[in-house]
Amino acid sequence: MAVTREDNSNTKQVLLFPPAKVEATKDNIASADLSGFESALVSVILGASDVDLGNNNSIQIELQHSDNNADFTACADSDISPSVAGINSGTFAVVNAAIAPEGLAFKAAYKGHKRYVRPVIRCTGQDHGNANHGSLIGINVLLRGSKYRPIA
């Protein structure tokens, strides 16, 4: 385990998906390279949505991982904490109800052993992409426990 230092010198923040209106499934989001770090915490912020989220329309956030940054597979539920039931394994957020005006936030720790992780935003139902309907979403990852300090 790395020697604990103040958070700024021990943490790297990587913006994987800049806040944007998402109208359909996004499965080609940037990945984070975990080499040189002991842990990764993926954070998702959901803002306003003009999609009627409910049983017929939902947003699910999943994690995928890879050894080579090319061949990604869904994380097993045991590779993330917390995990929830979703379409695929590796799901850590399911939104199937209206988003409050102040938005929603989700986070998941990656516990797997692959070098790269990336999120997938899975939109289900007919309303996504229909007449420019979508939801505002932003995703970043905090890499902690640097083996090489300080982090710029």
Protein backbone atom coordinates (compact mmCIF):
# COMPACT_ATOMS: atom_id res chain seq x y z
CA MET A 1 0.00 0.00 0.00
CA ALA A 2 1.24 3.46 -0.89
CA VAL A 3 2.23 6.00 1.70
CA THR A 4 -0.71 8.32 2.26
CA ARG A 5 -0.11 11.96 1.33
CA GLU A 6 -2.40 14.88 0.93
CA ASP A 7 -4.99 14.10 -1.73
CA ASN A 8 -3.82 16.47 -4.47
CA SER A 9 -0.38 14.83 -4.77
CA ASN A 10 -1.79 11.32 -4.61
CA THR A 11 -4.79 11.61 -6.96
CA LYS A 12 -5.25 12.03 -10.69
CA GLN A 13 -8.60 13.09 -12.11
CA VAL A 14 -9.45 12.06 -15.68
CA LEU A 15 -12.49 13.42 -17.50
CA LEU A 16 -13.82 10.47 -19.50
CA PHE A 17 -17.05 12.00 -20.81
CA PRO A 18 -17.48 15.80 -20.67
CA PRO A 19 -20.99 16.84 -19.62
CA ALA A 20 -23.21 16.54 -22.67
CA LYS A 21 -26.74 15.69 -23.71
CA VAL A 22 -26.92 11.95 -24.34
CA GLU A 23 -29.64 10.82 -26.73
CA ALA A 24 -28.59 7.19 -27.30
CA THR A 25 -26.30 4.49 -25.93
CA LYS A 26 -22.63 5.56 -25.77
CA ASP A 27 -20.29 2.58 -25.79
CA ASN A 28 -17.16 4.23 -27.17
CA ILE A 29 -16.31 6.54 -24.27
CA ALA A 30 -12.67 7.27 -23.45
CA SER A 31 -10.91 4.86 -21.10
CA ALA A 32 -8.72 5.47 -18.07
CA ASP A 33 -5.25 3.91 -17.81
CA LEU A 34 -4.92 2.58 -14.27
CA SER A 35 -1.23 1.70 -14.46
CA GLY A 36 0.70 3.30 -11.60
CA PHE A 37 -2.36 3.59 -9.36
CA GLU A 38 -3.88 1.37 -6.68
CA SER A 39 -7.54 2.31 -7.08
CA ALA A 40 -10.08 3.94 -9.37
CA LEU A 41 -13.35 5.63 -8.46
CA VAL A 42 -15.73 6.36 -11.34
CA SER A 43 -18.12 9.25 -10.75
CA VAL A 44 -21.25 10.02 -12.81
CA ILE A 45 -23.35 13.18 -12.63
CA LEU A 46 -26.80 13.21 -14.26
CA GLY A 47 -28.58 16.48 -14.84
CA ALA A 48 -31.79 17.48 -16.52
CA SER A 49 -33.56 14.97 -18.74
CA ASP A 50 -36.40 15.51 -21.16
CA VAL A 51 -36.85 11.74 -21.48
CA ASP A 52 -39.85 10.27 -19.65
CA LEU A 53 -37.74 7.95 -17.50
CA GLY A 54 -39.76 5.05 -16.14
CA ASN A 55 -40.29 1.36 -16.76
CA ASN A 56 -40.08 1.82 -20.56
CA ASN A 57 -37.12 4.25 -20.61
CA SER A 58 -34.00 4.07 -18.46
CA ILE A 59 -30.35 5.02 -18.26
CA GLN A 60 -27.85 2.44 -17.06
CA ILE A 61 -24.17 3.06 -16.38
CA GLU A 62 -21.83 0.10 -16.76
CA LEU A 63 -18.08 -0.44 -16.57
CA GLN A 64 -15.98 -2.36 -19.05
CA HIS A 65 -12.31 -3.29 -18.72
CA SER A 66 -9.40 -4.31 -20.94
CA ASP A 67 -5.74 -5.31 -20.82
CA ASN A 68 -4.89 -3.65 -24.15
CA ASN A 69 -7.25 -0.63 -24.45
CA ALA A 70 -8.87 -2.25 -27.51
CA ASP A 71 -10.72 -5.42 -26.50
CA PHE A 72 -13.18 -4.33 -23.81
CA THR A 73 -15.51 -6.70 -21.96
CA ALA A 74 -18.15 -6.06 -19.33
CA CYS A 75 -16.81 -6.08 -15.79
CA ALA A 76 -18.08 -8.85 -13.57
CA ASP A 77 -20.30 -7.57 -10.77
CA SER A 78 -17.54 -8.63 -8.35
CA ASP A 79 -15.12 -6.23 -10.13
CA ILE A 80 -17.06 -3.13 -9.02
CA SER A 81 -18.58 -1.84 -5.81
CA PRO A 82 -21.46 -1.31 -5.67
CA SER A 83 -23.09 -3.28 -8.44
CA VAL A 84 -26.79 -3.35 -9.26
CA ALA A 85 -28.96 -5.51 -11.51
CA GLY A 86 -28.86 -4.21 -15.07
CA ILE A 87 -28.92 -5.38 -18.66
CA ASN A 88 -25.24 -6.39 -18.44
CA SER A 89 -22.89 -7.26 -15.62
CA GLY A 90 -20.78 -4.40 -14.33
CA THR A 91 -23.79 -2.08 -13.93
CA PHE A 92 -23.57 0.37 -11.04
CA ALA A 93 -26.39 2.81 -11.79
CA VAL A 94 -29.93 2.41 -13.11
CA VAL A 95 -32.17 5.46 -13.46
CA ASN A 96 -35.77 4.60 -14.29
CA ALA A 97 -37.59 7.49 -12.62
CA ALA A 98 -37.66 11.24 -13.18
CA ILE A 99 -34.43 13.05 -12.29
CA ALA A 100 -34.90 15.73 -9.65
CA PRO A 101 -33.94 19.32 -10.62
CA GLU A 102 -30.78 19.10 -8.50
CA GLY A 103 -29.64 16.04 -10.48
CA LEU A 104 -28.25 12.68 -9.39
CA ALA A 105 -24.77 11.39 -8.64
CA PHE A 106 -23.42 7.85 -8.68
CA LYS A 107 -19.99 6.39 -8.00
CA ALA A 108 -18.39 2.98 -8.26
CA ALA A 109 -15.02 1.63 -7.23
CA TYR A 110 -13.24 -0.61 -9.72
CA LYS A 111 -11.82 -3.67 -7.92
CA GLY A 112 -10.73 -5.66 -10.98
CA HIS A 113 -7.17 -6.21 -12.18
CA LYS A 114 -7.16 -4.98 -15.77
CA ARG A 115 -5.17 -1.95 -16.92
CA TYR A 116 -7.98 0.06 -18.58
CA VAL A 117 -11.56 0.84 -17.58
CA ARG A 118 -14.26 2.75 -19.42
CA PRO A 119 -17.90 3.51 -18.75
CA VAL A 120 -20.83 2.70 -20.99
CA ILE A 121 -23.99 4.80 -20.94
CA ARG A 122 -26.83 2.48 -21.94
CA CYS A 123 -30.12 4.16 -22.92
CA THR A 124 -33.15 1.89 -23.13
CA GLY A 125 -36.60 2.63 -24.47
CA GLN A 126 -38.03 4.52 -27.39
CA ASP A 127 -37.81 8.08 -26.01
CA HIS A 128 -34.01 8.35 -26.20
CA GLY A 129 -33.07 9.96 -29.48
CA ASN A 130 -36.72 10.65 -30.30
CA ALA A 131 -37.15 14.32 -31.26
CA ASN A 132 -33.79 15.19 -29.68
CA HIS A 133 -34.76 13.81 -26.28
CA GLY A 134 -31.85 13.07 -23.99
CA SER A 135 -30.24 13.46 -20.58
CA LEU A 136 -27.27 15.56 -19.43
CA ILE A 137 -24.45 13.29 -18.22
CA GLY A 138 -20.80 13.77 -17.25
CA ILE A 139 -18.33 11.06 -16.14
CA ASN A 140 -14.87 11.23 -14.59
CA VAL A 141 -12.54 8.89 -12.73
CA LEU A 142 -10.33 9.55 -9.72
CA LEU A 143 -7.16 7.47 -9.72
CA ARG A 144 -5.69 7.11 -6.21
CA GLY A 145 -2.69 5.54 -4.56
CA SER A 146 -0.06 6.71 -7.02
CA LYS A 147 3.13 4.66 -7.14
CA TYR A 148 4.95 7.73 -8.50
CA ARG A 149 4.52 11.06 -6.72
CA PRO A 150 3.63 13.81 -6.96
CA ILE A 151 0.88 13.73 -9.58
CA ALA A 152 0.70 16.86 -11.72
